[in-house]
Amino acid sequence: MIFIVVKYQVKDGKREEFLEATREFTEATRAEPGNKWFEWSLSVEDKNEVVLVEAFNDDAGEAHVNSDHFAKGLEAMKPWLAETPKIISRTIDGDDWGEMGELQID
């Protein structure tokens, strides 16, 4: 599985505009064959940080980055960003979230 986390630093006070600008990209990516999840989160410590957690089947990454909606989505984000996003992208074992072994709820 390809597991990706991207941190976006949005211009001050423009978080909602950024999220609206990514809506079409988000919906198109979620509909891609091989997309496992594509989830946006808001930082509780930095009001201008938006975090994207996404995952794809091993064979779906190339199609994602070469899709029309990928290029279009990146362009839609640009006006709302304060800096270049930070990313971690790795191929990892597994194909879904697992339960946390250190904290079990009965």
Protein backbone atom coordinates (compact mmCIF):
# COMPACT_ATOMS: atom_id res chain seq x y z
CA MET A 1 0.00 0.00 0.00
CA ILE A 2 1.16 3.53 -0.76
CA PHE A 3 0.66 5.66 2.37
CA ILE A 4 0.95 9.43 2.10
CA VAL A 5 0.70 12.29 4.58
CA VAL A 6 0.86 15.88 3.35
CA LYS A 7 0.95 19.00 5.54
CA TYR A 8 -0.37 22.15 3.89
CA GLN A 9 0.32 25.59 5.38
CA VAL A 10 -2.63 27.71 4.31
CA LYS A 11 -2.57 31.50 4.15
CA ASP A 12 -3.79 33.10 7.36
CA GLY A 13 -7.57 32.94 7.62
CA LYS A 14 -8.03 31.07 4.31
CA ARG A 15 -8.54 27.52 5.57
CA GLU A 16 -12.19 27.27 4.52
CA GLU A 17 -11.41 28.66 1.07
CA PHE A 18 -8.60 26.13 0.69
CA LEU A 19 -10.87 23.24 1.64
CA GLU A 20 -13.54 24.41 -0.79
CA ALA A 21 -10.92 24.71 -3.56
CA THR A 22 -9.91 21.06 -2.97
CA ARG A 23 -13.45 19.64 -3.03
CA GLU A 24 -13.52 18.60 -6.72
CA PHE A 25 -10.02 17.11 -6.46
CA THR A 26 -11.00 15.22 -3.31
CA GLU A 27 -14.15 13.75 -4.84
CA ALA A 28 -12.36 12.71 -8.05
CA THR A 29 -9.50 11.10 -6.11
CA ARG A 30 -11.87 9.17 -3.84
CA ALA A 31 -13.55 7.78 -6.96
CA GLU A 32 -10.27 6.50 -8.44
CA PRO A 33 -9.79 2.73 -8.70
CA GLY A 34 -7.22 1.77 -6.09
CA ASN A 35 -7.84 4.70 -3.74
CA LYS A 36 -8.21 3.42 -0.19
CA TRP A 37 -8.84 6.73 1.56
CA PHE A 38 -8.30 10.45 1.08
CA GLU A 39 -9.00 12.28 4.34
CA TRP A 40 -8.47 15.90 5.34
CA SER A 41 -7.84 16.91 8.97
CA LEU A 42 -7.31 20.22 10.73
CA SER A 43 -4.43 20.77 13.11
CA VAL A 44 -5.49 21.46 16.70
CA GLU A 45 -2.25 23.40 17.28
CA ASP A 46 -1.94 25.50 14.12
CA LYS A 47 -5.12 27.05 12.68
CA ASN A 48 -3.43 27.37 9.27
CA GLU A 49 -2.25 23.76 8.96
CA VAL A 50 -4.36 21.26 7.04
CA VAL A 51 -3.24 17.62 6.90
CA LEU A 52 -4.13 15.11 4.20
CA VAL A 53 -3.84 11.37 4.89
CA GLU A 54 -4.24 9.22 1.80
CA ALA A 55 -3.59 5.67 0.68
CA PHE A 56 -3.63 3.76 -2.60
CA ASN A 57 -3.12 0.22 -3.78
CA ASP A 58 0.50 -0.29 -4.85
CA ASP A 59 -0.43 -0.19 -8.53
CA ALA A 60 -2.63 2.94 -8.34
CA GLY A 61 -0.13 5.68 -7.50
CA GLU A 62 1.07 6.40 -11.02
CA ALA A 63 -2.46 6.72 -12.39
CA HIS A 64 -3.30 9.13 -9.56
CA VAL A 65 -0.42 11.55 -10.18
CA ASN A 66 -0.94 11.38 -13.96
CA SER A 67 -4.68 12.07 -13.81
CA ASP A 68 -6.17 15.31 -15.12
CA HIS A 69 -7.80 16.03 -11.78
CA PHE A 70 -4.43 15.74 -9.99
CA ALA A 71 -2.85 18.58 -11.97
CA LYS A 72 -6.06 20.59 -11.79
CA GLY A 73 -6.30 20.02 -8.03
CA LEU A 74 -2.75 21.21 -7.39
CA GLU A 75 -3.39 24.38 -9.37
CA ALA A 76 -6.62 24.99 -7.41
CA MET A 77 -4.68 24.77 -4.12
CA LYS A 78 -1.87 27.16 -5.03
CA PRO A 79 -3.61 30.51 -4.41
CA TRP A 80 -4.45 29.50 -0.83
CA LEU A 81 -1.01 28.17 0.24
CA ALA A 82 1.59 30.10 2.22
CA GLU A 83 4.43 27.69 1.41
CA THR A 84 5.34 24.46 -0.36
CA PRO A 85 3.57 21.50 1.30
CA LYS A 86 5.55 18.91 3.29
CA ILE A 87 5.06 15.25 2.36
CA ILE A 88 5.86 11.74 3.50
CA SER A 89 5.13 9.04 0.91
CA ARG A 90 6.02 5.41 1.54
CA THR A 91 5.09 1.97 0.33
CA ILE A 92 4.21 -0.05 3.42
CA ASP A 93 2.95 -3.53 4.25
CA GLY A 94 -0.76 -3.92 4.82
CA ASP A 95 -3.87 -2.73 3.05
CA ASP A 96 -5.92 -0.99 5.74
CA TRP A 97 -5.77 0.48 9.23
CA GLY A 98 -5.01 -1.98 12.03
CA GLU A 99 -5.96 -1.89 15.67
CA MET A 100 -3.50 -0.27 18.07
CA GLY A 101 -1.94 -3.02 20.16
CA GLU A 102 -0.87 -0.72 23.01
CA LEU A 103 -4.39 0.61 23.65
CA GLN A 104 -7.24 -1.87 23.52
CA ILE A 105 -10.84 -0.96 24.32
CA ASP A 106 -13.07 -3.84 25.48
